[in-house]
Amino acid sequence: MDIIKGSVVRAKAGRDKGSYFVVLNLEENFAFIADGKTRKLENPKKKNLKHLEKTKFILSEKLETNRKIKKSLCDFKNS
């Protein structure tokens, strides 16, 4: 199972190490990720795929607002 659009991932390296994000888009070896709080939809972080750890969760709902992303990830962290 590879990282795909909508996947919940955890950062393995960098300033945001240990934080959870959702993948918004993919380009070659990079993923554009957001968490709705520090990294918003308007300014996603470009992160190398080797610095991301995939989880078994994929958010299937439409994530068109920062609030929805933040709530989805909050529910994920608390479960």
N, C-alpha and C. Protein backbone atom coordinates (compact mmCIF):
# COMPACT_ATOMS: atom_id res chain seq x y z
N MET A 1 0.84 -1.18 0.00
CA MET A 1 0.00 0.00 0.00
C MET A 1 0.88 1.24 0.00
N ASP A 2 0.77 2.03 -1.03
CA ASP A 2 1.57 3.24 -1.16
C ASP A 2 0.81 4.45 -0.62
N ILE A 3 1.54 5.54 -0.51
CA ILE A 3 0.92 6.80 -0.11
C ILE A 3 0.15 7.33 -1.30
N ILE A 4 -1.12 7.64 -1.08
CA ILE A 4 -1.97 8.18 -2.14
C ILE A 4 -2.65 9.45 -1.62
N LYS A 5 -3.31 10.14 -2.52
CA LYS A 5 -4.04 11.34 -2.15
C LYS A 5 -5.11 10.99 -1.12
N GLY A 6 -5.14 11.73 -0.02
CA GLY A 6 -6.10 11.48 1.05
C GLY A 6 -5.55 10.63 2.18
N SER A 7 -4.33 10.10 2.02
CA SER A 7 -3.71 9.28 3.07
C SER A 7 -3.35 10.13 4.27
N VAL A 8 -3.48 9.53 5.45
CA VAL A 8 -2.99 10.16 6.67
C VAL A 8 -1.57 9.66 6.87
N VAL A 9 -0.63 10.60 7.04
CA VAL A 9 0.78 10.25 7.18
C VAL A 9 1.35 10.92 8.43
N ARG A 10 2.48 10.38 8.91
CA ARG A 10 3.19 10.96 10.05
C ARG A 10 4.57 11.37 9.57
N ALA A 11 4.99 12.57 9.96
CA ALA A 11 6.31 13.06 9.57
C ALA A 11 7.38 12.35 10.39
N LYS A 12 8.40 11.81 9.71
CA LYS A 12 9.49 11.11 10.37
C LYS A 12 10.70 12.00 10.60
N ALA A 13 10.78 13.13 9.91
CA ALA A 13 11.95 13.99 10.01
C ALA A 13 11.54 15.45 9.87
N GLY A 14 12.39 16.31 10.37
CA GLY A 14 12.16 17.74 10.24
C GLY A 14 11.53 18.35 11.47
N ARG A 15 11.21 19.61 11.37
CA ARG A 15 10.63 20.38 12.47
C ARG A 15 9.28 19.82 12.91
N ASP A 16 8.56 19.22 11.97
CA ASP A 16 7.22 18.69 12.25
C ASP A 16 7.23 17.19 12.56
N LYS A 17 8.36 16.66 12.97
CA LYS A 17 8.51 15.23 13.26
C LYS A 17 7.46 14.77 14.28
N GLY A 18 6.78 13.67 13.96
CA GLY A 18 5.78 13.11 14.85
C GLY A 18 4.37 13.63 14.63
N SER A 19 4.22 14.67 13.82
CA SER A 19 2.90 15.24 13.56
C SER A 19 2.20 14.48 12.44
N TYR A 20 0.88 14.51 12.49
CA TYR A 20 0.07 13.84 11.47
C TYR A 20 -0.44 14.86 10.46
N PHE A 21 -0.48 14.44 9.20
CA PHE A 21 -0.91 15.29 8.09
C PHE A 21 -1.76 14.46 7.13
N VAL A 22 -2.45 15.15 6.25
CA VAL A 22 -3.18 14.49 5.16
C VAL A 22 -2.50 14.88 3.85
N VAL A 23 -2.37 13.94 2.93
CA VAL A 23 -1.74 14.18 1.64
C VAL A 23 -2.76 14.82 0.71
N LEU A 24 -2.42 16.00 0.19
CA LEU A 24 -3.30 16.71 -0.71
C LEU A 24 -3.00 16.42 -2.17
N ASN A 25 -1.72 16.23 -2.47
CA ASN A 25 -1.31 16.01 -3.85
C ASN A 25 0.05 15.33 -3.85
N LEU A 26 0.37 14.68 -4.95
CA LEU A 26 1.66 14.00 -5.10
C LEU A 26 2.34 14.46 -6.38
N GLU A 27 3.67 14.59 -6.33
CA GLU A 27 4.49 14.93 -7.49
C GLU A 27 5.79 14.17 -7.37
N GLU A 28 6.04 13.26 -8.27
CA GLU A 28 7.25 12.43 -8.28
C GLU A 28 7.58 11.89 -6.89
N ASN A 29 8.64 12.39 -6.25
CA ASN A 29 9.05 11.89 -4.93
C ASN A 29 8.60 12.80 -3.79
N PHE A 30 7.65 13.68 -4.06
CA PHE A 30 7.21 14.63 -3.05
C PHE A 30 5.71 14.56 -2.84
N ALA A 31 5.30 14.90 -1.62
CA ALA A 31 3.88 14.98 -1.29
C ALA A 31 3.61 16.38 -0.75
N PHE A 32 2.46 16.92 -1.07
CA PHE A 32 2.03 18.18 -0.51
C PHE A 32 1.05 17.85 0.61
N ILE A 33 1.41 18.27 1.84
CA ILE A 33 0.65 17.86 3.02
C ILE A 33 0.13 19.07 3.78
N ALA A 34 -0.96 18.86 4.51
CA ALA A 34 -1.54 19.92 5.33
C ALA A 34 -2.17 19.29 6.57
N ASP A 35 -2.24 20.08 7.64
CA ASP A 35 -2.90 19.62 8.85
C ASP A 35 -4.05 20.54 9.27
N GLY A 36 -4.27 21.63 8.54
CA GLY A 36 -5.38 22.53 8.82
C GLY A 36 -5.09 23.53 9.91
N LYS A 37 -3.98 23.39 10.61
CA LYS A 37 -3.65 24.30 11.70
C LYS A 37 -2.37 25.07 11.38
N THR A 38 -1.24 24.40 11.40
CA THR A 38 0.03 25.07 11.09
C THR A 38 0.28 25.11 9.60
N ARG A 39 -0.12 24.07 8.90
CA ARG A 39 -0.02 24.01 7.44
C ARG A 39 -1.42 23.95 6.88
N LYS A 40 -1.82 25.01 6.21
CA LYS A 40 -3.18 25.12 5.70
C LYS A 40 -3.26 24.74 4.23
N LEU A 41 -4.48 24.59 3.76
CA LEU A 41 -4.73 24.24 2.36
C LEU A 41 -4.11 25.25 1.39
N GLU A 42 -4.10 26.52 1.78
CA GLU A 42 -3.59 27.57 0.91
C GLU A 42 -2.08 27.50 0.77
N ASN A 43 -1.40 26.90 1.75
CA ASN A 43 0.06 26.85 1.74
C ASN A 43 0.54 25.48 2.25
N PRO A 44 0.30 24.41 1.47
CA PRO A 44 0.71 23.08 1.94
C PRO A 44 2.23 22.93 1.93
N LYS A 45 2.72 22.02 2.75
CA LYS A 45 4.15 21.76 2.85
C LYS A 45 4.55 20.72 1.82
N LYS A 46 5.63 20.99 1.11
CA LYS A 46 6.18 20.02 0.16
C LYS A 46 7.18 19.18 0.93
N LYS A 47 6.92 17.88 1.03
CA LYS A 47 7.74 17.00 1.85
C LYS A 47 8.16 15.78 1.03
N ASN A 48 9.41 15.38 1.17
CA ASN A 48 9.93 14.21 0.50
C ASN A 48 9.22 12.96 1.04
N LEU A 49 8.85 12.04 0.15
CA LEU A 49 8.12 10.84 0.56
C LEU A 49 8.90 9.98 1.54
N LYS A 50 10.23 10.01 1.45
CA LYS A 50 11.02 9.18 2.37
C LYS A 50 10.99 9.73 3.80
N HIS A 51 10.50 10.95 3.99
CA HIS A 51 10.38 11.53 5.32
C HIS A 51 8.97 11.38 5.88
N LEU A 52 8.13 10.60 5.20
CA LEU A 52 6.76 10.38 5.65
C LEU A 52 6.54 8.91 5.94
N GLU A 53 5.81 8.65 7.00
CA GLU A 53 5.44 7.28 7.35
C GLU A 53 3.94 7.12 7.11
N LYS A 54 3.60 6.17 6.28
CA LYS A 54 2.18 5.98 5.97
C LYS A 54 1.47 5.31 7.14
N THR A 55 0.19 5.58 7.25
CA THR A 55 -0.67 4.89 8.21
C THR A 55 -1.67 4.08 7.39
N LYS A 56 -2.48 3.33 8.06
CA LYS A 56 -3.46 2.52 7.33
C LYS A 56 -4.75 3.28 7.06
N PHE A 57 -4.78 4.56 7.39
CA PHE A 57 -5.99 5.35 7.26
C PHE A 57 -5.95 6.23 6.01
N ILE A 58 -7.09 6.30 5.33
CA ILE A 58 -7.27 7.17 4.18
C ILE A 58 -8.57 7.93 4.41
N LEU A 59 -8.50 9.24 4.32
CA LEU A 59 -9.69 10.07 4.51
C LEU A 59 -10.44 10.14 3.20
N SER A 60 -11.62 9.56 3.17
CA SER A 60 -12.38 9.47 1.92
C SER A 60 -13.30 10.67 1.72
N GLU A 61 -13.55 11.42 2.79
CA GLU A 61 -14.45 12.56 2.67
C GLU A 61 -13.77 13.72 1.97
N LYS A 62 -14.57 14.65 1.48
CA LYS A 62 -14.03 15.83 0.82
C LYS A 62 -13.40 16.74 1.87
N LEU A 63 -12.14 17.06 1.67
CA LEU A 63 -11.43 17.92 2.61
C LEU A 63 -11.17 19.27 1.95
N GLU A 64 -12.23 20.08 1.88
CA GLU A 64 -12.10 21.34 1.16
C GLU A 64 -11.85 22.53 2.06
N THR A 65 -11.90 22.33 3.39
CA THR A 65 -11.62 23.43 4.30
C THR A 65 -10.60 23.00 5.35
N ASN A 66 -9.92 23.98 5.90
CA ASN A 66 -8.94 23.71 6.96
C ASN A 66 -9.62 23.12 8.19
N ARG A 67 -10.82 23.58 8.46
CA ARG A 67 -11.56 23.09 9.63
C ARG A 67 -11.85 21.59 9.52
N LYS A 68 -12.24 21.13 8.33
CA LYS A 68 -12.53 19.71 8.12
C LYS A 68 -11.27 18.86 8.27
N ILE A 69 -10.14 19.36 7.74
CA ILE A 69 -8.88 18.63 7.88
C ILE A 69 -8.49 18.54 9.34
N LYS A 70 -8.56 19.66 10.05
CA LYS A 70 -8.17 19.70 11.46
C LYS A 70 -9.04 18.75 12.28
N LYS A 71 -10.35 18.76 12.02
CA LYS A 71 -11.27 17.89 12.77
C LYS A 71 -11.00 16.42 12.46
N SER A 72 -10.77 16.09 11.21
CA SER A 72 -10.49 14.70 10.82
C SER A 72 -9.22 14.19 11.47
N LEU A 73 -8.17 15.00 11.48
CA LEU A 73 -6.92 14.59 12.08
C LEU A 73 -7.02 14.54 13.61
N CYS A 74 -7.82 15.42 14.19
CA CYS A 74 -8.03 15.39 15.63
C CYS A 74 -8.75 14.10 16.02
N ASP A 75 -9.76 13.74 15.27
CA ASP A 75 -10.47 12.47 15.53
C ASP A 75 -9.53 11.29 15.36
N PHE A 76 -8.65 11.37 14.37
CA PHE A 76 -7.69 10.29 14.12
C PHE A 76 -6.71 10.14 15.28
N LYS A 77 -6.18 11.25 15.78
CA LYS A 77 -5.19 11.22 16.87
C LYS A 77 -5.81 10.70 18.17
N ASN A 78 -7.07 11.04 18.40
CA ASN A 78 -7.74 10.65 19.65
C ASN A 78 -8.24 9.22 19.66
N SER A 79 -8.27 8.58 18.49
CA SER A 79 -8.78 7.20 18.46
C SER A 79 -7.69 6.18 18.57
